[in-house]
Amino acid sequence: MSVRLRPVARRTALAGAVLGLGVVTGCDLDPRDGGGAGGPADPVEDPDTALLVEAVTEIGTTLGLLVAAAADLPRLASTTAPLRRLHRSHLDELGADATDVVAHDGRLGRAAQALGTVRTRERQLQGRLADLSVAAESGTLARLLASMSAAVAQALAELPAAPPPTAVPR
């Protein structure tokens, strides 16, 4: 049983918001206006916007994998529940929602293989969040991403090495 989630929509919303800022600030995109480049009317794009979008995408992709693992392999549902809660709270902190969960379309295999895939993806996410925190220009965003990276590392340390045993019918 595979869970199908809507594709990422947050990226589109954030891009629209950034473009909307240009419209609201009176930015004219007409090259024939004769205005000098770099003038005060040019909109300044927040460099952290791209980092925010990337963080949401990375977390949404990881959460999509966890949702698929729990749905396809019920043995992993309780094992991955803390990670799913963690990533949902991180998406909430970043102002994202359920539409930012990227559906996992790959085959997960058996429980042990799927748990290995989850562990690998969580390590990648942890490292990426740390990298994004270093790249952030805003101290607030840097601290938030660093704390998310640390939380993923802690949750990863608590992830069991093997999936729970299969229930034996009596």
Foldseek 3Di string as FASTA:
>chain_A
DFDDAAEADVVVVLVVVQVVVLVVLPNDPDPPPPDDPPDPSDDDGQPCSVLLVVLLLLLLALLLLLVRLCVVPVLCVVLCVVVNVLSQVLCVVSVHHRNSRHHDDDDQPDQLSSLVVSLVSLLVSLVSLQVSLVVHPDVVSSVSSPVSSVVSVVSSVVRDNGGDDDDDDD
